[in-house]
C-alpha atoms as a PDB file:
ATOM      1  CA  MET A   1     -67.616 -44.814  -0.578  1.00  0.00           C
ATOM      2  CA  GLU A   2     -65.013 -44.847   1.705  1.00  0.00           C
ATOM      3  CA  VAL A   3     -65.766 -44.310   5.564  1.00  0.00           C
ATOM      4  CA  ILE A   4     -63.791 -41.439   7.058  1.00  0.00           C
ATOM      5  CA  GLU A   5     -63.552 -41.419  10.732  1.00  0.00           C
ATOM      6  CA  ARG A   6     -63.652 -38.719  13.314  1.00  0.00           C
ATOM      7  CA  ASP A   7     -60.826 -36.309  14.188  1.00  0.00           C
ATOM      8  CA  TRP A   8     -60.174 -36.791  17.533  1.00  0.00           C
ATOM      9  CA  HIS A   9     -62.094 -34.921  20.087  1.00  0.00           C
ATOM     10  CA  LYS A  10     -59.895 -31.965  21.493  1.00  0.00           C
ATOM     11  CA  ALA A  11     -60.564 -33.117  25.037  1.00  0.00           C
ATOM     12  CA  ASP A  12     -58.811 -36.818  24.089  1.00  0.00           C
ATOM     13  CA  ILE A  13     -55.729 -34.793  22.175  1.00  0.00           C
ATOM     14  CA  LYS A  14     -54.881 -32.844  25.518  1.00  0.00           C
ATOM     15  CA  GLY A  15     -55.430 -36.174  27.532  1.00  0.00           C
ATOM     16  CA  ALA A  16     -53.389 -38.101  25.504  1.00  0.00           C
ATOM     17  CA  LEU A  17     -50.930 -35.389  25.811  1.00  0.00           C
ATOM     18  CA  GLU A  18     -51.561 -35.544  29.431  1.00  0.00           C
ATOM     19  CA  LYS A  19     -50.723 -39.020  30.214  1.00  0.00           C
ATOM     20  CA  ARG A  20     -47.515 -38.380  28.441  1.00  0.00           C
ATOM     21  CA  GLY A  21     -47.015 -36.128  31.062  1.00  0.00           C
ATOM     22  CA  THR A  22     -47.114 -32.754  29.135  1.00  0.00           C
ATOM     23  CA  ASN A  23     -49.181 -30.100  27.818  1.00  0.00           C
ATOM     24  CA  PHE A  24     -49.607 -27.947  24.681  1.00  0.00           C
ATOM     25  CA  GLU A  25     -47.650 -25.262  26.251  1.00  0.00           C
ATOM     26  CA  LYS A  26     -45.379 -27.519  27.207  1.00  0.00           C
ATOM     27  CA  LEU A  27     -44.820 -28.816  24.125  1.00  0.00           C
ATOM     28  CA  ALA A  28     -44.819 -25.498  21.970  1.00  0.00           C
ATOM     29  CA  GLY A  29     -41.638 -24.420  24.461  1.00  0.00           C
ATOM     30  CA  GLU A  30     -39.679 -27.917  24.142  1.00  0.00           C
ATOM     31  CA  ASN A  31     -40.060 -27.325  20.178  1.00  0.00           C
ATOM     32  CA  GLY A  32     -39.253 -23.443  20.203  1.00  0.00           C
ATOM     33  CA  LEU A  33     -42.744 -22.510  19.685  1.00  0.00           C
ATOM     34  CA  ALA A  34     -45.075 -19.447  21.694  1.00  0.00           C
ATOM     35  CA  GLY A  35     -46.916 -20.626  24.471  1.00  0.00           C
ATOM     36  CA  ALA A  36     -50.576 -21.881  22.716  1.00  0.00           C
ATOM     37  CA  THR A  37     -49.141 -22.004  19.393  1.00  0.00           C
ATOM     38  CA  LEU A  38     -49.749 -25.795  19.161  1.00  0.00           C
ATOM     39  CA  ARG A  39     -53.430 -25.197  19.785  1.00  0.00           C
ATOM     40  CA  ASN A  40     -54.129 -23.878  16.765  1.00  0.00           C
ATOM     41  CA  ALA A  41     -54.290 -26.869  15.582  1.00  0.00           C
ATOM     42  CA  LEU A  42     -57.237 -28.152  17.092  1.00  0.00           C
ATOM     43  CA  ARG A  43     -59.422 -25.931  15.174  1.00  0.00           C
ATOM     44  CA  VAL A  44     -57.021 -25.227  12.029  1.00  0.00           C
ATOM     45  CA  LYS A  45     -55.078 -27.565   9.450  1.00  0.00           C
ATOM     46  CA  TYR A  46     -51.194 -26.490  10.917  1.00  0.00           C
ATOM     47  CA  PRO A  47     -49.069 -29.740   9.651  1.00  0.00           C
ATOM     48  CA  LYS A  48     -46.031 -28.586  11.791  1.00  0.00           C
ATOM     49  CA  ALA A  49     -48.237 -28.534  14.991  1.00  0.00           C
ATOM     50  CA  GLU A  50     -50.041 -31.513  14.186  1.00  0.00           C
ATOM     51  CA  LYS A  51     -46.898 -33.130  13.607  1.00  0.00           C
ATOM     52  CA  ILE A  52     -45.451 -32.424  17.125  1.00  0.00           C
ATOM     53  CA  ILE A  53     -48.468 -33.282  18.379  1.00  0.00           C
ATOM     54  CA  ALA A  54     -48.482 -36.447  17.275  1.00  0.00           C
ATOM     55  CA  GLN A  55     -45.281 -37.394  17.782  1.00  0.00           C
ATOM     56  CA  GLU A  56     -45.539 -36.771  21.098  1.00  0.00           C
ATOM     57  CA  ILE A  57     -48.556 -39.289  21.316  1.00  0.00           C
ATOM     58  CA  GLY A  58     -46.810 -41.602  19.820  1.00  0.00           C
ATOM     59  CA  VAL A  59     -49.196 -41.727  16.495  1.00  0.00           C
ATOM     60  CA  ASP A  60     -49.318 -40.303  12.856  1.00  0.00           C
ATOM     61  CA  PRO A  61     -51.001 -37.239  12.662  1.00  0.00           C
ATOM     62  CA  SER A  62     -53.470 -38.734  10.040  1.00  0.00           C
ATOM     63  CA  VAL A  63     -54.772 -40.950  13.198  1.00  0.00           C
ATOM     64  CA  ILE A  64     -55.835 -37.532  15.095  1.00  0.00           C
ATOM     65  CA  TRP A  65     -56.990 -35.823  12.128  1.00  0.00           C
ATOM     66  CA  PRO A  66     -58.014 -38.171   9.777  1.00  0.00           C
ATOM     67  CA  SER A  67     -60.193 -35.308   7.898  1.00  0.00           C
ATOM     68  CA  ARG A  68     -56.977 -33.594   7.329  1.00  0.00           C
ATOM     69  CA  TYR A  69     -55.124 -36.543   5.308  1.00  0.00           C
ATOM     70  CA  VAL A  70     -58.060 -37.717   3.481  1.00  0.00           C
ATOM     71  CA  GLN A  71     -56.470 -40.048   0.508  1.00  0.00           C
ATOM     72  CA  LYS A  72     -57.663 -38.692  -2.794  1.00  0.00           C
ATOM     73  CA  SER A  73     -59.071 -41.402  -5.474  1.00  0.00           C
ATOM     74  CA  ALA A  74     -57.454 -40.837  -9.075  1.00  0.00           C
END
């Protein structure tokens, strides 16, 4: 049986962005999105937003949201 890691807490994601001198609104604007659009990734699967957030933090989206990127066995 495969152990699935927990998704990062939203406060940890926010903190990781703040450590890099940005936030959801600023990052959204830099990527041509409406202010709070990236926050949607905190509650629902949103691959485009997940990728933007993860790239800014410096990890793969599957590191932040492992439950959304579960590899299914054949």
